[in-house]
mmCIF file of all heavy atoms, coordinates in Angstrom:
data_MODEL
# 
_entry.id   MODEL 
# 
loop_
_atom_site.group_PDB 
_atom_site.id 
_atom_site.type_symbol 
_atom_site.label_atom_id 
_atom_site.label_alt_id 
_atom_site.label_comp_id 
_atom_site.label_asym_id 
_atom_site.label_entity_id 
_atom_site.label_seq_id 
_atom_site.pdbx_PDB_ins_code 
_atom_site.Cartn_x 
_atom_site.Cartn_y 
_atom_site.Cartn_z 
_atom_site.occupancy 
_atom_site.B_iso_or_equiv 
_atom_site.pdbx_formal_charge 
_atom_site.auth_seq_id 
_atom_site.auth_comp_id 
_atom_site.auth_asym_id 
_atom_site.auth_atom_id 
_atom_site.pdbx_PDB_model_num 
ATOM 1   N N   . THR A 1 1  ? 94.626  96.146 95.449  1.00 0.00 ? 1  THR A N   1 
ATOM 2   C CA  . THR A 1 1  ? 95.655  95.160 95.820  1.00 0.00 ? 1  THR A CA  1 
ATOM 3   C C   . THR A 1 1  ? 95.845  95.157 97.390  1.00 0.00 ? 1  THR A C   1 
ATOM 4   O O   . THR A 1 1  ? 96.319  94.176 97.923  1.00 0.00 ? 1  THR A O   1 
ATOM 5   C CB  . THR A 1 1  ? 97.040  95.540 95.250  1.00 0.00 ? 1  THR A CB  1 
ATOM 6   O OG1 . THR A 1 1  ? 97.364  96.905 95.517  1.00 0.00 ? 1  THR A OG1 1 
ATOM 7   C CG2 . THR A 1 1  ? 96.970  95.387 93.695  1.00 0.00 ? 1  THR A CG2 1 
ATOM 8   N N   . LEU A 1 2  ? 95.361  96.153 98.033  1.00 0.00 ? 2  LEU A N   1 
ATOM 9   C CA  . LEU A 1 2  ? 95.388  96.245 99.500  1.00 0.00 ? 2  LEU A CA  1 
ATOM 10  C C   . LEU A 1 2  ? 94.538  95.148 100.154 1.00 0.00 ? 2  LEU A C   1 
ATOM 11  O O   . LEU A 1 2  ? 94.729  94.794 101.282 1.00 0.00 ? 2  LEU A O   1 
ATOM 12  C CB  . LEU A 1 2  ? 94.894  97.613 99.996  1.00 0.00 ? 2  LEU A CB  1 
ATOM 13  C CG  . LEU A 1 2  ? 95.912  98.703 100.145 1.00 0.00 ? 2  LEU A CG  1 
ATOM 14  C CD1 . LEU A 1 2  ? 95.213  99.946 100.615 1.00 0.00 ? 2  LEU A CD1 1 
ATOM 15  C CD2 . LEU A 1 2  ? 97.010  98.342 101.173 1.00 0.00 ? 2  LEU A CD2 1 
ATOM 16  N N   . ALA A 1 3  ? 93.538  94.660 99.368  1.00 0.00 ? 3  ALA A N   1 
ATOM 17  C CA  . ALA A 1 3  ? 92.631  93.676 99.828  1.00 0.00 ? 3  ALA A CA  1 
ATOM 18  C C   . ALA A 1 3  ? 93.224  92.251 99.938  1.00 0.00 ? 3  ALA A C   1 
ATOM 19  O O   . ALA A 1 3  ? 92.636  91.338 100.482 1.00 0.00 ? 3  ALA A O   1 
ATOM 20  C CB  . ALA A 1 3  ? 91.369  93.662 99.086  1.00 0.00 ? 3  ALA A CB  1 
ATOM 21  N N   . VAL A 1 4  ? 94.425  92.105 99.394  1.00 0.00 ? 4  VAL A N   1 
ATOM 22  C CA  . VAL A 1 4  ? 95.086  90.779 99.363  1.00 0.00 ? 4  VAL A CA  1 
ATOM 23  C C   . VAL A 1 4  ? 96.097  90.746 100.491 1.00 0.00 ? 4  VAL A C   1 
ATOM 24  O O   . VAL A 1 4  ? 97.028  91.569 100.564 1.00 0.00 ? 4  VAL A O   1 
ATOM 25  C CB  . VAL A 1 4  ? 95.716  90.549 97.943  1.00 0.00 ? 4  VAL A CB  1 
ATOM 26  C CG1 . VAL A 1 4  ? 96.514  89.250 97.987  1.00 0.00 ? 4  VAL A CG1 1 
ATOM 27  C CG2 . VAL A 1 4  ? 94.725  90.530 96.869  1.00 0.00 ? 4  VAL A CG2 1 
ATOM 28  N N   . ASP A 1 5  ? 95.958  89.741 101.311 1.00 0.00 ? 5  ASP A N   1 
ATOM 29  C CA  . ASP A 1 5  ? 96.930  89.528 102.410 1.00 0.00 ? 5  ASP A CA  1 
ATOM 30  C C   . ASP A 1 5  ? 97.662  88.231 102.217 1.00 0.00 ? 5  ASP A C   1 
ATOM 31  O O   . ASP A 1 5  ? 97.113  87.125 102.229 1.00 0.00 ? 5  ASP A O   1 
ATOM 32  C CB  . ASP A 1 5  ? 96.120  89.461 103.756 1.00 0.00 ? 5  ASP A CB  1 
ATOM 33  C CG  . ASP A 1 5  ? 97.046  89.247 104.989 1.00 0.00 ? 5  ASP A CG  1 
ATOM 34  O OD1 . ASP A 1 5  ? 98.249  89.371 104.770 1.00 0.00 ? 5  ASP A OD1 1 
ATOM 35  O OD2 . ASP A 1 5  ? 96.475  88.977 106.051 1.00 0.00 ? 5  ASP A OD2 1 
ATOM 36  N N   . PRO A 1 6  ? 99.010  88.344 102.039 1.00 0.00 ? 6  PRO A N   1 
ATOM 37  C CA  . PRO A 1 6  ? 99.825  87.107 101.813 1.00 0.00 ? 6  PRO A CA  1 
ATOM 38  C C   . PRO A 1 6  ? 99.786  86.175 102.998 1.00 0.00 ? 6  PRO A C   1 
ATOM 39  O O   . PRO A 1 6  ? 100.148 85.037 102.909 1.00 0.00 ? 6  PRO A O   1 
ATOM 40  C CB  . PRO A 1 6  ? 101.247 87.704 101.580 1.00 0.00 ? 6  PRO A CB  1 
ATOM 41  C CG  . PRO A 1 6  ? 101.226 89.059 102.201 1.00 0.00 ? 6  PRO A CG  1 
ATOM 42  C CD  . PRO A 1 6  ? 99.847  89.564 102.039 1.00 0.00 ? 6  PRO A CD  1 
ATOM 43  N N   . ARG A 1 7  ? 99.324  86.638 104.127 1.00 0.00 ? 7  ARG A N   1 
ATOM 44  C CA  . ARG A 1 7  ? 99.246  85.766 105.339 1.00 0.00 ? 7  ARG A CA  1 
ATOM 45  C C   . ARG A 1 7  ? 97.814  85.316 105.692 1.00 0.00 ? 7  ARG A C   1 
ATOM 46  O O   . ARG A 1 7  ? 97.583  84.871 106.782 1.00 0.00 ? 7  ARG A O   1 
ATOM 47  C CB  . ARG A 1 7  ? 99.817  86.557 106.543 1.00 0.00 ? 7  ARG A CB  1 
ATOM 48  C CG  . ARG A 1 7  ? 101.265 86.875 106.450 1.00 0.00 ? 7  ARG A CG  1 
ATOM 49  C CD  . ARG A 1 7  ? 101.746 87.774 107.614 1.00 0.00 ? 7  ARG A CD  1 
ATOM 50  N NE  . ARG A 1 7  ? 103.152 88.158 107.512 1.00 0.00 ? 7  ARG A NE  1 
ATOM 51  C CZ  . ARG A 1 7  ? 104.104 87.465 108.007 1.00 0.00 ? 7  ARG A CZ  1 
ATOM 52  N NH1 . ARG A 1 7  ? 103.861 86.346 108.719 1.00 0.00 ? 7  ARG A NH1 1 
ATOM 53  N NH2 . ARG A 1 7  ? 105.357 87.863 107.897 1.00 0.00 ? 7  ARG A NH2 1 
ATOM 54  N N   . SER A 1 8  ? 96.929  85.466 104.713 1.00 0.00 ? 8  SER A N   1 
ATOM 55  C CA  . SER A 1 8  ? 95.546  85.033 104.956 1.00 0.00 ? 8  SER A CA  1 
ATOM 56  C C   . SER A 1 8  ? 95.433  83.535 105.160 1.00 0.00 ? 8  SER A C   1 
ATOM 57  O O   . SER A 1 8  ? 95.692  82.747 104.287 1.00 0.00 ? 8  SER A O   1 
ATOM 58  C CB  . SER A 1 8  ? 94.679  85.410 103.758 1.00 0.00 ? 8  SER A CB  1 
ATOM 59  O OG  . SER A 1 8  ? 93.386  84.917 103.907 1.00 0.00 ? 8  SER A OG  1 
ATOM 60  N N   . ALA A 1 9  ? 95.088  83.141 106.429 1.00 0.00 ? 9  ALA A N   1 
ATOM 61  C CA  . ALA A 1 9  ? 95.062  81.714 106.794 1.00 0.00 ? 9  ALA A CA  1 
ATOM 62  C C   . ALA A 1 9  ? 94.056  80.943 105.979 1.00 0.00 ? 9  ALA A C   1 
ATOM 63  O O   . ALA A 1 9  ? 94.276  79.830 105.519 1.00 0.00 ? 9  ALA A O   1 
ATOM 64  C CB  . ALA A 1 9  ? 94.824  81.572 108.302 1.00 0.00 ? 9  ALA A CB  1 
ATOM 65  N N   . ALA A 1 10 ? 92.858  81.513 105.793 1.00 0.00 ? 10 ALA A N   1 
ATOM 66  C CA  . ALA A 1 10 ? 91.764  80.777 105.057 1.00 0.00 ? 10 ALA A CA  1 
ATOM 67  C C   . ALA A 1 10 ? 92.224  80.488 103.643 1.00 0.00 ? 10 ALA A C   1 
ATOM 68  O O   . ALA A 1 10 ? 92.008  79.385 103.125 1.00 0.00 ? 10 ALA A O   1 
ATOM 69  C CB  . ALA A 1 10 ? 90.501  81.596 105.094 1.00 0.00 ? 10 ALA A CB  1 
ATOM 70  N N   . ALA A 1 11 ? 92.723  81.515 102.921 1.00 0.00 ? 11 ALA A N   1 
ATOM 71  C CA  . ALA A 1 11 ? 93.141  81.317 101.524 1.00 0.00 ? 11 ALA A CA  1 
ATOM 72  C C   . ALA A 1 11 ? 94.342  80.380 101.374 1.00 0.00 ? 11 ALA A C   1 
ATOM 73  O O   . ALA A 1 11 ? 94.363  79.488 100.545 1.00 0.00 ? 11 ALA A O   1 
ATOM 74  C CB  . ALA A 1 11 ? 93.462  82.688 100.900 1.00 0.00 ? 11 ALA A CB  1 
ATOM 75  N N   . LEU A 1 12 ? 95.307  80.593 102.290 1.00 0.00 ? 12 LEU A N   1 
ATOM 76  C CA  . LEU A 1 12 ? 96.473  79.728 102.214 1.00 0.00 ? 12 LEU A CA  1 
ATOM 77  C C   . LEU A 1 12 ? 96.155  78.228 102.511 1.00 0.00 ? 12 LEU A C   1 
ATOM 78  O O   . LEU A 1 12 ? 96.623  77.282 101.877 1.00 0.00 ? 12 LEU A O   1 
ATOM 79  C CB  . LEU A 1 12 ? 97.545  80.195 103.257 1.00 0.00 ? 12 LEU A CB  1 
ATOM 80  C CG  . LEU A 1 12 ? 98.343  81.382 102.786 1.00 0.00 ? 12 LEU A CG  1 
ATOM 81  C CD1 . LEU A 1 12 ? 99.087  81.960 103.966 1.00 0.00 ? 12 LEU A CD1 1 
ATOM 82  C CD2 . LEU A 1 12 ? 99.287  81.070 101.714 1.00 0.00 ? 12 LEU A CD2 1 
ATOM 83  N N   . LEU A 1 13 ? 95.264  78.040 103.545 1.00 0.00 ? 13 LEU A N   1 
ATOM 84  C CA  . LEU A 1 13 ? 94.912  76.633 103.867 1.00 0.00 ? 13 LEU A CA  1 
ATOM 85  C C   . LEU A 1 13 ? 94.110  76.006 102.716 1.00 0.00 ? 13 LEU A C   1 
ATOM 86  O O   . LEU A 1 13 ? 94.404  74.847 102.398 1.00 0.00 ? 13 LEU A O   1 
ATOM 87  C CB  . LEU A 1 13 ? 94.023  76.635 105.140 1.00 0.00 ? 13 LEU A CB  1 
ATOM 88  C CG  . LEU A 1 13 ? 93.728  75.289 105.755 1.00 0.00 ? 13 LEU A CG  1 
ATOM 89  C CD1 . LEU A 1 13 ? 94.955  74.595 106.248 1.00 0.00 ? 13 LEU A CD1 1 
ATOM 90  C CD2 . LEU A 1 13 ? 92.715  75.467 106.861 1.00 0.00 ? 13 LEU A CD2 1 
ATOM 91  N N   . ALA A 1 14 ? 93.223  76.751 102.134 1.00 0.00 ? 14 ALA A N   1 
ATOM 92  C CA  . ALA A 1 14 ? 92.432  76.199 100.999 1.00 0.00 ? 14 ALA A CA  1 
ATOM 93  C C   . ALA A 1 14 ? 93.263  75.840 99.846  1.00 0.00 ? 14 ALA A C   1 
ATOM 94  O O   . ALA A 1 14 ? 93.168  74.782 99.265  1.00 0.00 ? 14 ALA A O   1 
ATOM 95  C CB  . ALA A 1 14 ? 91.342  77.191 100.629 1.00 0.00 ? 14 ALA A CB  1 
ATOM 96  N N   . THR A 1 15 ? 94.215  76.736 99.434  1.00 0.00 ? 15 THR A N   1 
ATOM 97  C CA  . THR A 1 15 ? 95.069  76.481 98.293  1.00 0.00 ? 15 THR A CA  1 
ATOM 98  C C   . THR A 1 15 ? 96.078  75.344 98.525  1.00 0.00 ? 15 THR A C   1 
ATOM 99  O O   . THR A 1 15 ? 96.261  74.419 97.698  1.00 0.00 ? 15 THR A O   1 
ATOM 100 C CB  . THR A 1 15 ? 95.802  77.782 97.857  1.00 0.00 ? 15 THR A CB  1 
ATOM 101 O OG1 . THR A 1 15 ? 96.529  78.273 98.964  1.00 0.00 ? 15 THR A OG1 1 
ATOM 102 C CG2 . THR A 1 15 ? 94.884  78.812 97.330  1.00 0.00 ? 15 THR A CG2 1 
ATOM 103 N N   . ASP A 1 16 ? 96.755  75.379 99.700  1.00 0.00 ? 16 ASP A N   1 
ATOM 104 C CA  . ASP A 1 16 ? 97.723  74.314 99.945  1.00 0.00 ? 16 ASP A CA  1 
ATOM 105 C C   . ASP A 1 16 ? 97.099  72.988 100.092 1.00 0.00 ? 16 ASP A C   1 
ATOM 106 O O   . ASP A 1 16 ? 97.680  71.954 99.590  1.00 0.00 ? 16 ASP A O   1 
ATOM 107 C CB  . ASP A 1 16 ? 98.536  74.648 101.199 1.00 0.00 ? 16 ASP A CB  1 
ATOM 108 C CG  . ASP A 1 16 ? 99.598  75.744 100.955 1.00 0.00 ? 16 ASP A CG  1 
ATOM 109 O OD1 . ASP A 1 16 ? 99.583  76.308 99.801  1.00 0.00 ? 16 ASP A OD1 1 
ATOM 110 O OD2 . ASP A 1 16 ? 100.430 76.059 101.862 1.00 0.00 ? 16 ASP A OD2 1 
ATOM 111 N N   . MET A 1 17 ? 95.991  72.859 100.753 1.00 0.00 ? 17 MET A N   1 
ATOM 112 C CA  . MET A 1 17 ? 95.304  71.560 100.959 1.00 0.00 ? 17 MET A CA  1 
ATOM 113 C C   . MET A 1 17 ? 94.792  71.122 99.598  1.00 0.00 ? 17 MET A C   1 
ATOM 114 O O   . MET A 1 17 ? 94.785  69.888 99.279  1.00 0.00 ? 17 MET A O   1 
ATOM 115 C CB  . MET A 1 17 ? 94.229  71.679 101.933 1.00 0.00 ? 17 MET A CB  1 
ATOM 116 C CG  . MET A 1 17 ? 94.667  71.857 103.371 1.00 0.00 ? 17 MET A CG  1 
ATOM 117 S SD  . MET A 1 17 ? 95.660  70.484 103.978 1.00 0.00 ? 17 MET A SD  1 
ATOM 118 C CE  . MET A 1 17 ? 95.955  71.013 105.678 1.00 0.00 ? 17 MET A CE  1 
ATOM 119 N N   . GLY A 1 18 ? 94.261  71.991 98.781  1.00 0.00 ? 18 GLY A N   1 
ATOM 120 C CA  . GLY A 1 18 ? 93.780  71.676 97.504  1.00 0.00 ? 18 GLY A CA  1 
ATOM 121 C C   . GLY A 1 18 ? 94.903  71.176 96.576  1.00 0.00 ? 18 GLY A C   1 
ATOM 122 O O   . GLY A 1 18 ? 94.744  70.180 95.864  1.00 0.00 ? 18 GLY A O   1 
ATOM 123 N N   . LEU A 1 19 ? 96.056  71.788 96.650  1.00 0.00 ? 19 LEU A N   1 
ATOM 124 C CA  . LEU A 1 19 ? 97.198  71.354 95.822  1.00 0.00 ? 19 LEU A CA  1 
ATOM 125 C C   . LEU A 1 19 ? 97.693  69.957 96.281  1.00 0.00 ? 19 LEU A C   1 
ATOM 126 O O   . LEU A 1 19 ? 98.020  69.129 95.490  1.00 0.00 ? 19 LEU A O   1 
ATOM 127 C CB  . LEU A 1 19 ? 98.341  72.392 95.925  1.00 0.00 ? 19 LEU A CB  1 
ATOM 128 C CG  . LEU A 1 19 ? 98.194  73.654 95.130  1.00 0.00 ? 19 LEU A CG  1 
ATOM 129 C CD1 . LEU A 1 19 ? 99.311  74.662 95.462  1.00 0.00 ? 19 LEU A CD1 1 
ATOM 130 C CD2 . LEU A 1 19 ? 98.325  73.288 93.582  1.00 0.00 ? 19 LEU A CD2 1 
ATOM 131 N N   . ALA A 1 20 ? 97.775  69.814 97.652  1.00 0.00 ? 20 ALA A N   1 
ATOM 132 C CA  . ALA A 1 20 ? 98.203  68.500 98.133  1.00 0.00 ? 20 ALA A CA  1 
ATOM 133 C C   . ALA A 1 20 ? 97.252  67.409 97.683  1.00 0.00 ? 20 ALA A C   1 
ATOM 134 O O   . ALA A 1 20 ? 97.710  66.294 97.241  1.00 0.00 ? 20 ALA A O   1 
ATOM 135 C CB  . ALA A 1 20 ? 98.253  68.543 99.659  1.00 0.00 ? 20 ALA A CB  1 
ATOM 136 N N   . ALA A 1 21 ? 95.957  67.649 97.702  1.00 0.00 ? 21 ALA A N   1 
ATOM 137 C CA  . ALA A 1 21 ? 94.937  66.607 97.303  1.00 0.00 ? 21 ALA A CA  1 
ATOM 138 C C   . ALA A 1 21 ? 95.129  66.396 95.812  1.00 0.00 ? 21 ALA A C   1 
ATOM 139 O O   . ALA A 1 21 ? 94.969  65.248 95.341  1.00 0.00 ? 21 ALA A O   1 
ATOM 140 C CB  . ALA A 1 21 ? 93.572  67.109 97.601  1.00 0.00 ? 21 ALA A CB  1 
ATOM 141 N N   . ALA A 1 22 ? 95.353  67.431 94.994  1.00 0.00 ? 22 ALA A N   1 
ATOM 142 C CA  . ALA A 1 22 ? 95.571  67.277 93.519  1.00 0.00 ? 22 ALA A CA  1 
ATOM 143 C C   . ALA A 1 22 ? 96.779  66.406 93.195  1.00 0.00 ? 22 ALA A C   1 
ATOM 144 O O   . ALA A 1 22 ? 96.719  65.558 92.315  1.00 0.00 ? 22 ALA A O   1 
ATOM 145 C CB  . ALA A 1 22 ? 95.695  68.630 92.856  1.00 0.00 ? 22 ALA A CB  1 
ATOM 146 N N   . VAL A 1 23 ? 97.871  66.680 94.006  1.00 0.00 ? 23 VAL A N   1 
ATOM 147 C CA  . VAL A 1 23 ? 99.085  65.876 93.746  1.00 0.00 ? 23 VAL A CA  1 
ATOM 148 C C   . VAL A 1 23 ? 98.811  64.437 94.092  1.00 0.00 ? 23 VAL A C   1 
ATOM 149 O O   . VAL A 1 23 ? 99.303  63.501 93.240  1.00 0.00 ? 23 VAL A O   1 
ATOM 150 C CB  . VAL A 1 23 ? 100.259 66.427 94.640  1.00 0.00 ? 23 VAL A CB  1 
ATOM 151 C CG1 . VAL A 1 23 ? 101.423 65.501 94.605  1.00 0.00 ? 23 VAL A CG1 1 
ATOM 152 C CG2 . VAL A 1 23 ? 100.707 67.806 94.092  1.00 0.00 ? 23 VAL A CG2 1 
ATOM 153 N N   . VAL A 1 24 ? 98.140  64.143 95.169  1.00 0.00 ? 24 VAL A N   1 
ATOM 154 C CA  . VAL A 1 24 ? 97.884  62.760 95.515  1.00 0.00 ? 24 VAL A CA  1 
ATOM 155 C C   . VAL A 1 24 ? 96.945  62.094 94.474  1.00 0.00 ? 24 VAL A C   1 
ATOM 156 O O   . VAL A 1 24 ? 97.146  60.974 94.084  1.00 0.00 ? 24 VAL A O   1 
ATOM 157 C CB  . VAL A 1 24 ? 97.218  62.705 96.929  1.00 0.00 ? 24 VAL A CB  1 
ATOM 158 C CG1 . VAL A 1 24 ? 96.710  61.304 97.236  1.00 0.00 ? 24 VAL A CG1 1 
ATOM 159 C CG2 . VAL A 1 24 ? 98.227  63.135 97.953  1.00 0.00 ? 24 VAL A CG2 1 
ATOM 160 N N   . ALA A 1 25 ? 95.985  62.842 93.933  1.00 0.00 ? 25 ALA A N   1 
ATOM 161 C CA  . ALA A 1 25 ? 95.136  62.346 92.902  1.00 0.00 ? 25 ALA A CA  1 
ATOM 162 C C   . ALA A 1 25 ? 95.894  61.997 91.658  1.00 0.00 ? 25 ALA A C   1 
ATOM 163 O O   . ALA A 1 25 ? 95.658  60.934 91.043  1.00 0.00 ? 25 ALA A O   1 
ATOM 164 C CB  . ALA A 1 25 ? 94.018  63.386 92.569  1.00 0.00 ? 25 ALA A CB  1 
# 
């Protein structure tokens, strides 16, 4: 669990942008 960073920019950007695109779709 130490390998997970809640502030990881790459993961947050990918998930949030993906969710936004899914909502628009």
